[in-house]
Amino acid sequence: MKKKWIGYVIVGLLSITLGSAQESFKVMFYNLLNYPLEDAVPNREENLAFILSDYQPDLFMVCELNNVTGANTILDITRNTISPDFEMATYVSNTSDDFSGDQNDLQNLLYYDSSKFILEEEIIVPTDLRDFNVYRLKLNTVDQATNPIEFYAVVCHLKASSGFDNELRRFNMVVELDNFLNTLPSDTMVLLGGDLNLYTFTEPAYQQLLQVTNNITFADPANRPGSWSNNPNFVDIFTQSTRTDFGLGGTAGGFDDRFDFILTSENMLANADLTYAPDSYQVWGNNGLSACYNSAINDASCALPDSPFSFELRDALHDFSDHLPVTVTLETDATLLNITDNRLEQLTLIKETLVRSTLTLLNPDFKLTNKTLVIYNSLGQPVKRLSFSTEYEKQIDINDLEGGLYILVVEESTIAPVKFMIN
């Protein structure tokens, strides 16, 4: 069974000192492909852990989540790969199909860094198919009692498939969202992440979201209007499908559609308490190459030697879902509580990152002398404890460990963890 190189980032300790402006927040929306019921690809958790450790979102919005067991597993992954401060909103099964037998097990959810955001309210906006899940959040600022910065995060999954009837159902779903947004003050800041299943910018659902006469008008930060589907001119914003092989679950049509979006209310584009960072919209794992059109995302045609997204990342994305995640960065000039800018010391602790039976540890400047080192597996479980005396180099037998990714942590130190893979 193939193992993935799953990168884990160990977060520095948080203290009660004040952070300094300007603060930025990384946001990701991801279609999880029927997680955890879709099991055609084994060990999907390892792939997701690698993806999250690579991007490190502060807000993680998801759709196609099947049950509370899967929701809790993802919470554990966010805590192990991003920050122990991660929390999730309440998992609620889709309510929009309650009159038709509860057949829809595709649900949305929000995960967030609780040191940066406070979840104040959870709202369900039902439609004829799937809920809009709406979350009112507040920044954890030093003056939140007198000058709160609040915004709404909307997570959604519109009706799939082409054709007039499906376009109409997508439009009707958006109308239900607009009816809710009409109850909010017009200057409310709103962030929307979703699998919108749109084929072109002329679709009524998309035009309704961007309608300037709305109480709250959305903007598409990518700013790429056009007929997206099967058009290689838009390959840089394609999100689906990551696969060409059948039998993995989901769609296997190759890279040819823009279905996944993050939109912001227009007032978040400039001069707001919380603003979209210009040019930060990105499809994570998409190197923007026209040669990738109709290919699998882990194909050699989807990267050049200097491309930003590695094969290891694209391979994990390929195996986890038939969609790619979408990301943006938000910024504020406000000062947050409980965040320090801890700099971890970067040392070369291991001789090679890809090993077979022996791990060679290094003790640069003898900084590991009398230190305890712990090896963790990809689930965050300790599997081996080690210690250094005065030697500079030490050989560790790892024949008892299974193949896969591991992380080496130096206990009670500010030395950055390092990861390695057993082949």
Protein backbone atom coordinates (compact mmCIF):
# COMPACT_ATOMS: atom_id res chain seq x y z
CA MET A 1 0.00 0.00 0.00
CA LYS A 2 1.38 3.35 -1.04
CA LYS A 3 2.10 5.74 1.80
CA LYS A 4 2.04 9.50 1.46
CA TRP A 5 4.53 12.02 2.72
CA ILE A 6 2.32 13.70 5.29
CA GLY A 7 3.78 16.94 6.59
CA TYR A 8 2.97 17.98 10.13
CA VAL A 9 3.76 21.40 11.46
CA ILE A 10 4.04 21.70 15.23
CA VAL A 11 2.73 25.04 16.38
CA GLY A 12 4.59 27.22 18.88
CA LEU A 13 3.07 27.89 22.26
CA LEU A 14 0.50 30.64 22.60
CA SER A 15 0.83 33.15 25.42
CA ILE A 16 -1.27 36.00 26.79
CA THR A 17 0.85 38.73 25.22
CA LEU A 18 -0.54 40.93 22.48
CA GLY A 19 0.02 40.30 18.80
CA SER A 20 0.99 43.13 16.50
CA ALA A 21 -0.91 44.42 13.48
CA GLN A 22 -1.17 43.78 10.63
CA GLU A 23 -2.71 40.35 11.07
CA SER A 24 -3.57 37.99 8.24
CA PHE A 25 -5.84 34.95 8.13
CA LYS A 26 -5.62 32.09 5.66
CA VAL A 27 -8.93 30.66 4.46
CA MET A 28 -9.55 27.38 2.64
CA PHE A 29 -12.70 25.86 1.19
CA TYR A 30 -12.58 22.18 0.25
CA ASN A 31 -15.04 19.62 -1.13
CA LEU A 32 -14.15 16.52 0.90
CA LEU A 33 -15.71 13.99 -1.52
CA ASN A 34 -18.16 12.11 0.68
CA TYR A 35 -15.89 11.90 3.69
CA PRO A 36 -15.67 9.45 5.40
CA LEU A 37 -18.10 7.14 3.56
CA GLU A 38 -16.13 7.21 0.29
CA ASP A 39 -13.41 4.62 0.95
CA ALA A 40 -12.20 3.60 -2.53
CA VAL A 41 -8.84 5.20 -1.67
CA PRO A 42 -7.47 3.95 1.69
CA ASN A 43 -5.95 6.17 4.39
CA ARG A 44 -7.49 9.39 3.09
CA GLU A 45 -6.76 11.01 6.45
CA GLU A 46 -3.04 10.97 5.70
CA ASN A 47 -3.64 12.83 2.45
CA LEU A 48 -5.78 15.47 4.16
CA ALA A 49 -3.21 15.90 6.91
CA PHE A 50 -0.54 16.62 4.32
CA ILE A 51 -2.75 19.09 2.46
CA LEU A 52 -3.65 21.01 5.63
CA SER A 53 -0.10 21.04 6.93
CA ASP A 54 1.02 22.46 3.59
CA TYR A 55 -1.43 25.40 3.55
CA GLN A 56 -2.06 25.95 7.30
CA PRO A 57 -5.53 27.58 7.12
CA ASP A 58 -6.96 29.60 9.98
CA LEU A 59 -10.50 29.04 8.68
CA PHE A 60 -11.33 25.72 7.02
CA MET A 61 -14.72 25.48 5.29
CA VAL A 62 -15.82 22.10 3.94
CA CYS A 63 -18.66 20.39 2.11
CA GLU A 64 -19.49 16.75 1.40
CA LEU A 65 -18.97 15.74 5.01
CA ASN A 66 -21.12 12.70 5.80
CA ASN A 67 -21.36 12.31 9.57
CA VAL A 68 -20.22 13.49 12.97
CA THR A 69 -17.58 10.75 13.19
CA GLY A 70 -15.89 12.16 10.11
CA ALA A 71 -16.31 15.69 11.46
CA ASN A 72 -14.50 14.78 14.67
CA THR A 73 -11.72 12.98 12.79
CA ILE A 74 -11.07 16.11 10.74
CA LEU A 75 -11.05 18.19 13.92
CA ASP A 76 -8.30 15.93 15.27
CA ILE A 77 -6.36 16.34 12.02
CA THR A 78 -6.59 20.14 12.17
CA ARG A 79 -5.38 20.11 15.77
CA ASN A 80 -2.42 17.88 14.92
CA THR A 81 -1.41 19.54 11.67
CA ILE A 82 -2.28 23.21 12.17
CA SER A 83 -2.89 24.21 15.79
CA PRO A 84 -4.21 22.63 19.00
CA ASP A 85 -6.52 25.66 19.23
CA PHE A 86 -8.72 24.47 16.37
CA GLU A 87 -12.42 23.97 17.04
CA MET A 88 -15.38 23.10 14.85
CA ALA A 89 -18.90 24.38 14.62
CA THR A 90 -21.74 22.08 15.61
CA TYR A 91 -22.19 19.22 13.17
CA VAL A 92 -25.84 19.16 12.03
CA SER A 93 -27.04 16.76 9.36
CA ASN A 94 -28.64 18.36 6.33
CA THR A 95 -32.13 19.59 7.18
CA SER A 96 -33.30 20.58 3.69
CA ASP A 97 -34.37 17.06 2.83
CA ASP A 98 -36.29 16.33 6.04
CA PHE A 99 -39.58 16.04 4.15
CA SER A 100 -38.14 13.61 1.59
CA GLY A 101 -36.63 10.90 3.75
CA ASP A 102 -33.27 12.37 4.85
CA GLN A 103 -31.51 10.94 1.81
CA ASN A 104 -28.87 13.66 1.51
CA ASP A 105 -25.80 12.99 3.64
CA LEU A 106 -23.68 15.75 2.11
CA GLN A 107 -23.16 18.34 4.84
CA ASN A 108 -21.14 21.55 5.31
CA LEU A 109 -19.04 22.56 8.32
CA LEU A 110 -16.62 25.18 9.56
CA TYR A 111 -13.34 24.63 11.44
CA TYR A 112 -11.53 27.61 12.94
CA ASP A 113 -8.56 28.65 15.06
CA SER A 114 -10.21 29.62 18.34
CA SER A 115 -7.27 31.79 19.35
CA LYS A 116 -8.13 34.10 16.42
CA PHE A 117 -11.89 33.71 15.97
CA ILE A 118 -14.86 33.47 18.32
CA LEU A 119 -17.90 31.60 17.01
CA GLU A 120 -20.94 33.58 18.09
CA GLU A 121 -23.88 32.14 16.17
CA GLU A 122 -24.73 29.19 13.93
CA ILE A 123 -27.56 29.54 11.42
CA ILE A 124 -29.15 27.11 8.95
CA VAL A 125 -30.71 28.47 5.77
CA PRO A 126 -32.68 25.58 4.21
CA THR A 127 -33.42 25.14 0.51
CA ASP A 128 -35.13 22.44 -1.52
CA LEU A 129 -31.93 20.36 -1.58
CA ARG A 130 -29.08 21.28 0.80
CA ASP A 131 -28.61 23.72 3.64
CA PHE A 132 -26.58 26.88 3.61
CA ASN A 133 -24.65 26.78 6.88
CA VAL A 134 -23.97 30.29 8.14
CA TYR A 135 -21.61 31.16 10.98
CA ARG A 136 -21.28 34.54 12.70
CA LEU A 137 -17.68 35.02 13.82
CA LYS A 138 -15.86 37.70 15.76
CA LEU A 139 -12.14 38.43 15.69
CA ASN A 140 -10.44 37.83 19.02
CA THR A 141 -9.16 41.40 19.30
CA VAL A 142 -7.94 43.36 22.30
CA ASP A 143 -10.87 45.79 22.06
CA GLN A 144 -13.60 43.35 21.06
CA ALA A 145 -15.87 44.56 23.89
CA THR A 146 -15.97 48.14 22.59
CA ASN A 147 -15.11 47.69 18.90
CA PRO A 148 -16.07 44.18 17.78
CA ILE A 149 -15.12 43.03 14.29
CA GLU A 150 -17.73 40.54 13.16
CA PHE A 151 -18.35 38.78 9.88
CA TYR A 152 -20.42 35.91 8.53
CA ALA A 153 -18.98 32.78 6.91
CA VAL A 154 -21.35 30.94 4.57
CA VAL A 155 -20.59 27.36 3.52
CA CYS A 156 -22.64 25.79 0.75
CA HIS A 157 -22.98 23.16 -1.96
CA LEU A 158 -25.29 24.01 -4.86
CA LYS A 159 -27.07 21.55 -7.12
CA ALA A 160 -24.75 19.64 -9.44
CA SER A 161 -24.92 18.88 -13.18
CA SER A 162 -25.59 20.89 -16.31
CA GLY A 163 -28.92 21.67 -17.96
CA PHE A 164 -31.67 24.23 -17.51
CA ASP A 165 -33.42 22.46 -14.63
CA ASN A 166 -30.21 22.21 -12.59
CA GLU A 167 -29.32 25.84 -13.32
CA LEU A 168 -32.76 26.83 -12.07
CA ARG A 169 -32.35 24.84 -8.87
CA ARG A 170 -28.98 26.49 -8.22
CA PHE A 171 -30.59 29.90 -8.75
CA ASN A 172 -33.47 29.09 -6.41
CA MET A 173 -31.01 28.01 -3.72
CA VAL A 174 -29.17 31.33 -4.02
CA VAL A 175 -32.47 33.19 -3.74
CA GLU A 176 -33.04 31.50 -0.37
CA LEU A 177 -29.63 32.71 0.77
CA ASP A 178 -30.41 36.23 -0.43
CA ASN A 179 -33.64 36.19 1.55
CA PHE A 180 -31.58 35.56 4.66
CA LEU A 181 -28.92 38.13 3.77
CA ASN A 182 -31.67 40.71 3.34
CA THR A 183 -32.26 40.49 7.10
CA LEU A 184 -28.69 41.68 7.84
CA PRO A 185 -27.37 45.25 7.82
CA SER A 186 -26.17 46.16 4.33
CA ASP A 187 -22.63 46.81 5.56
CA THR A 188 -22.25 43.28 6.99
CA MET A 189 -19.04 41.53 5.95
CA VAL A 190 -19.73 38.10 4.44
CA LEU A 191 -17.41 35.38 3.23
CA LEU A 192 -18.84 32.55 1.12
CA GLY A 193 -17.09 29.26 0.36
CA GLY A 194 -18.80 26.60 -1.66
CA ASP A 195 -18.98 24.06 -4.42
CA LEU A 196 -21.25 26.14 -6.64
CA ASN A 197 -21.22 23.70 -9.59
CA LEU A 198 -21.24 26.59 -12.07
CA TYR A 199 -20.30 26.17 -15.72
CA THR A 200 -20.24 29.80 -16.82
CA PHE A 201 -20.42 33.30 -15.35
CA THR A 202 -23.74 33.88 -17.14
CA GLU A 203 -25.55 31.32 -14.99
CA PRO A 204 -28.43 32.90 -13.04
CA ALA A 205 -27.09 31.69 -9.66
CA TYR A 206 -23.73 33.40 -10.19
CA GLN A 207 -25.32 36.59 -11.51
CA GLN A 208 -27.70 36.66 -8.56
CA LEU A 209 -24.81 36.46 -6.09
CA LEU A 210 -23.08 39.41 -7.80
CA GLN A 211 -26.27 41.41 -8.40
CA VAL A 212 -25.51 45.05 -7.48
CA THR A 213 -29.07 45.68 -6.31
CA ASN A 214 -28.78 43.06 -3.57
CA ASN A 215 -28.71 44.09 0.06
CA ILE A 216 -25.32 42.34 0.19
CA THR A 217 -23.50 41.97 -3.11
CA PHE A 218 -20.75 39.40 -3.50
CA ALA A 219 -17.51 39.85 -5.43
CA ASP A 220 -15.48 37.11 -7.06
CA PRO A 221 -11.85 37.87 -6.08
CA ALA A 222 -10.53 35.79 -8.98
CA ASN A 223 -12.16 38.35 -11.33
CA ARG A 224 -12.21 35.91 -14.26
CA PRO A 225 -15.63 36.10 -15.93
CA GLY A 226 -16.17 33.74 -18.82
CA SER A 227 -17.39 30.35 -19.88
CA TRP A 228 -15.21 28.24 -17.60
CA SER A 229 -16.20 24.67 -18.34
CA ASN A 230 -13.90 22.80 -20.74
CA ASN A 231 -12.10 26.04 -21.60
CA PRO A 232 -8.30 25.74 -21.18
CA ASN A 233 -8.06 29.55 -21.01
CA PHE A 234 -9.29 29.22 -17.43
CA VAL A 235 -7.15 26.27 -16.36
CA ASP A 236 -5.53 28.36 -13.59
CA ILE A 237 -8.86 28.56 -11.72
CA PHE A 238 -10.06 25.01 -12.44
CA THR A 239 -10.85 22.94 -9.36
CA GLN A 240 -12.33 19.72 -10.79
CA SER A 241 -11.65 16.93 -11.67
CA THR A 242 -8.31 15.94 -10.20
CA ARG A 243 -8.61 12.45 -11.70
CA THR A 244 -8.72 10.58 -14.97
CA ASP A 245 -8.87 7.06 -13.50
CA PHE A 246 -12.22 5.51 -12.59
CA GLY A 247 -12.78 3.53 -9.40
CA LEU A 248 -11.48 6.18 -6.98
CA GLY A 249 -14.86 7.68 -6.19
CA GLY A 250 -16.15 10.99 -7.49
CA THR A 251 -15.68 12.22 -11.04
CA ALA A 252 -12.88 11.04 -13.32
CA GLY A 253 -13.13 13.51 -16.21
CA GLY A 254 -9.76 15.18 -15.82
CA PHE A 255 -9.02 18.82 -15.04
CA ASP A 256 -11.69 20.84 -16.87
CA ASP A 257 -14.12 22.72 -14.56
CA ARG A 258 -14.32 25.59 -12.10
CA PHE A 259 -16.85 24.42 -9.53
CA ASP A 260 -15.36 25.65 -6.23
CA PHE A 261 -15.34 29.27 -5.12
CA ILE A 262 -14.59 31.67 -2.32
CA LEU A 263 -16.52 34.94 -2.65
CA THR A 264 -16.48 38.01 -0.42
CA SER A 265 -19.00 40.75 0.08
CA GLU A 266 -17.94 43.77 -1.95
CA ASN A 267 -17.19 45.78 1.17
CA MET A 268 -14.35 43.36 2.02
CA LEU A 269 -12.34 44.27 -1.08
CA ALA A 270 -11.04 47.51 0.44
CA ASN A 271 -11.28 49.84 3.44
CA ALA A 272 -12.94 47.32 5.73
CA ASP A 273 -12.05 46.08 9.20
CA LEU A 274 -11.43 42.73 7.54
CA THR A 275 -10.31 42.83 3.91
CA TYR A 276 -9.39 40.48 1.12
CA ALA A 277 -5.63 40.56 0.52
CA PRO A 278 -5.17 41.52 -3.15
CA ASP A 279 -4.12 38.70 -5.48
CA SER A 280 -4.39 36.08 -2.72
CA TYR A 281 -7.09 34.00 -4.45
CA GLN A 282 -5.55 30.67 -5.38
CA VAL A 283 -6.57 27.13 -6.22
CA TRP A 284 -4.27 25.10 -3.99
CA GLY A 285 -2.32 22.55 -6.02
CA ASN A 286 -3.10 24.18 -9.40
CA ASN A 287 0.11 25.26 -11.12
CA GLY A 288 -1.86 27.07 -13.83
CA LEU A 289 -0.47 25.15 -16.80
CA SER A 290 -2.61 24.78 -19.93
CA ALA A 291 -0.93 21.40 -20.50
CA CYS A 292 -2.78 20.16 -17.38
CA TYR A 293 -6.15 20.52 -19.13
CA ASN A 294 -8.05 17.20 -19.03
CA SER A 295 -5.19 15.57 -17.09
CA ALA A 296 -4.99 14.19 -13.58
CA ILE A 297 -3.60 16.78 -11.17
CA ASN A 298 -0.65 14.51 -10.27
CA ASP A 299 0.32 14.10 -13.92
CA ALA A 300 3.74 15.38 -15.02
CA SER A 301 1.99 17.81 -17.39
CA CYS A 302 0.64 19.71 -14.36
CA ALA A 303 4.02 20.97 -13.15
CA LEU A 304 7.30 22.43 -14.33
CA PRO A 305 10.60 22.19 -12.41
CA ASP A 306 9.97 25.60 -10.82
CA SER A 307 6.22 25.17 -10.23
CA PRO A 308 5.08 26.06 -6.70
CA PHE A 309 3.04 22.91 -6.04
CA SER A 310 5.06 19.72 -5.69
CA PHE A 311 4.21 16.25 -6.92
CA GLU A 312 3.80 15.07 -3.31
CA LEU A 313 1.12 17.69 -2.67
CA ARG A 314 -0.66 17.10 -5.98
CA ASP A 315 -0.57 13.36 -5.39
CA ALA A 316 -2.21 13.80 -1.97
CA LEU A 317 -4.84 16.10 -3.52
CA HIS A 318 -5.47 13.57 -6.29
CA ASP A 319 -6.05 10.73 -3.85
CA PHE A 320 -8.14 12.63 -1.30
CA SER A 321 -10.79 14.26 -3.48
CA ASP A 322 -11.90 14.88 -7.04
CA HIS A 323 -11.84 18.62 -6.22
CA LEU A 324 -9.02 21.02 -5.38
CA PRO A 325 -9.36 23.44 -2.46
CA VAL A 326 -9.69 27.19 -2.99
CA THR A 327 -7.81 29.63 -0.76
CA VAL A 328 -7.74 33.35 0.04
CA THR A 329 -6.04 35.54 2.63
CA LEU A 330 -7.86 38.11 4.76
CA GLU A 331 -6.18 41.00 6.58
CA THR A 332 -6.97 43.29 9.50
CA ASP A 333 -5.22 46.19 11.20
CA ALA A 334 -6.74 45.18 14.52
CA THR A 335 -4.62 43.71 17.29
CA LEU A 336 -5.40 40.16 18.38
CA LEU A 337 -5.24 38.65 21.83
CA ASN A 338 -3.21 35.60 22.79
CA ILE A 339 -0.86 35.45 19.83
CA THR A 340 2.90 35.67 19.97
CA ASP A 341 5.26 35.54 17.06
CA ASN A 342 7.35 32.64 18.28
CA ARG A 343 10.27 31.84 15.98
CA LEU A 344 11.31 28.20 16.12
CA GLU A 345 14.99 27.51 15.69
CA GLN A 346 15.66 25.69 12.44
CA LEU A 347 18.32 22.98 12.78
CA THR A 348 19.34 20.06 10.59
CA LEU A 349 18.40 17.20 12.89
CA ILE A 350 18.41 14.29 10.45
CA LYS A 351 20.83 13.38 7.70
CA GLU A 352 18.22 12.25 5.18
CA THR A 353 14.47 12.80 4.99
CA LEU A 354 13.78 9.62 3.00
CA VAL A 355 15.00 6.55 4.89
CA ARG A 356 14.56 2.78 4.91
CA SER A 357 15.80 0.96 8.01
CA THR A 358 18.11 3.43 9.73
CA LEU A 359 17.51 7.04 10.75
CA THR A 360 20.65 9.12 11.19
CA LEU A 361 20.24 11.86 13.80
CA LEU A 362 22.53 14.86 13.94
CA ASN A 363 23.40 16.97 16.97
CA PRO A 364 24.47 20.35 15.50
CA ASP A 365 26.46 22.44 17.96
CA PHE A 366 25.55 19.73 20.50
CA LYS A 367 22.21 21.44 21.10
CA LEU A 368 20.49 18.06 21.51
CA THR A 369 22.77 16.92 24.31
CA ASN A 370 20.66 15.58 27.20
CA LYS A 371 17.51 16.33 25.23
CA THR A 372 14.62 13.90 24.74
CA LEU A 373 13.42 13.40 21.16
CA VAL A 374 10.07 11.87 20.25
CA ILE A 375 9.03 10.39 16.91
CA TYR A 376 5.32 10.79 16.09
CA ASN A 377 3.40 8.98 13.35
CA SER A 378 1.01 10.67 10.91
CA LEU A 379 -1.87 10.40 13.41
CA GLY A 380 0.07 12.35 16.03
CA GLN A 381 0.81 9.28 18.15
CA PRO A 382 4.27 8.91 19.80
CA VAL A 383 5.98 5.76 18.53
CA LYS A 384 9.58 6.10 19.73
CA ARG A 385 11.53 8.10 22.34
CA LEU A 386 15.23 8.86 21.98
CA SER A 387 17.93 10.76 23.80
CA PHE A 388 21.36 12.20 22.99
CA SER A 389 24.44 12.31 25.17
CA THR A 390 27.52 14.01 23.74
CA GLU A 391 27.74 12.29 20.35
CA TYR A 392 27.37 14.37 17.19
CA GLU A 393 25.71 11.64 15.12
CA LYS A 394 23.49 8.76 16.15
CA GLN A 395 22.07 5.80 14.20
CA ILE A 396 18.51 4.72 15.07
CA ASP A 397 17.06 1.40 13.96
CA ILE A 398 13.54 2.02 12.60
CA ASN A 399 12.78 -1.43 11.21
CA ASP A 400 9.92 -1.68 13.70
CA LEU A 401 8.11 1.30 12.14
CA GLU A 402 5.76 1.04 9.18
CA GLY A 403 6.29 2.98 5.99
CA GLY A 404 4.87 6.49 5.91
CA LEU A 405 5.54 9.96 7.22
CA TYR A 406 6.85 10.73 10.72
CA ILE A 407 7.84 13.84 12.61
CA LEU A 408 10.73 14.26 15.03
CA VAL A 409 10.10 16.60 17.97
CA VAL A 410 12.63 17.84 20.52
CA GLU A 411 10.82 18.03 23.85
CA GLU A 412 10.91 21.20 25.95
CA SER A 413 12.77 23.23 23.35
CA THR A 414 12.23 25.90 20.69
CA ILE A 415 13.83 23.71 18.04
CA ALA A 416 11.53 23.27 15.05
CA PRO A 417 10.23 19.75 14.43
CA VAL A 418 11.38 17.95 11.30
CA LYS A 419 9.61 15.39 9.18
CA PHE A 420 10.91 12.31 7.42
CA MET A 421 9.45 9.46 5.44
CA ILE A 422 10.14 5.75 5.76
CA ASN A 423 10.05 4.19 2.33
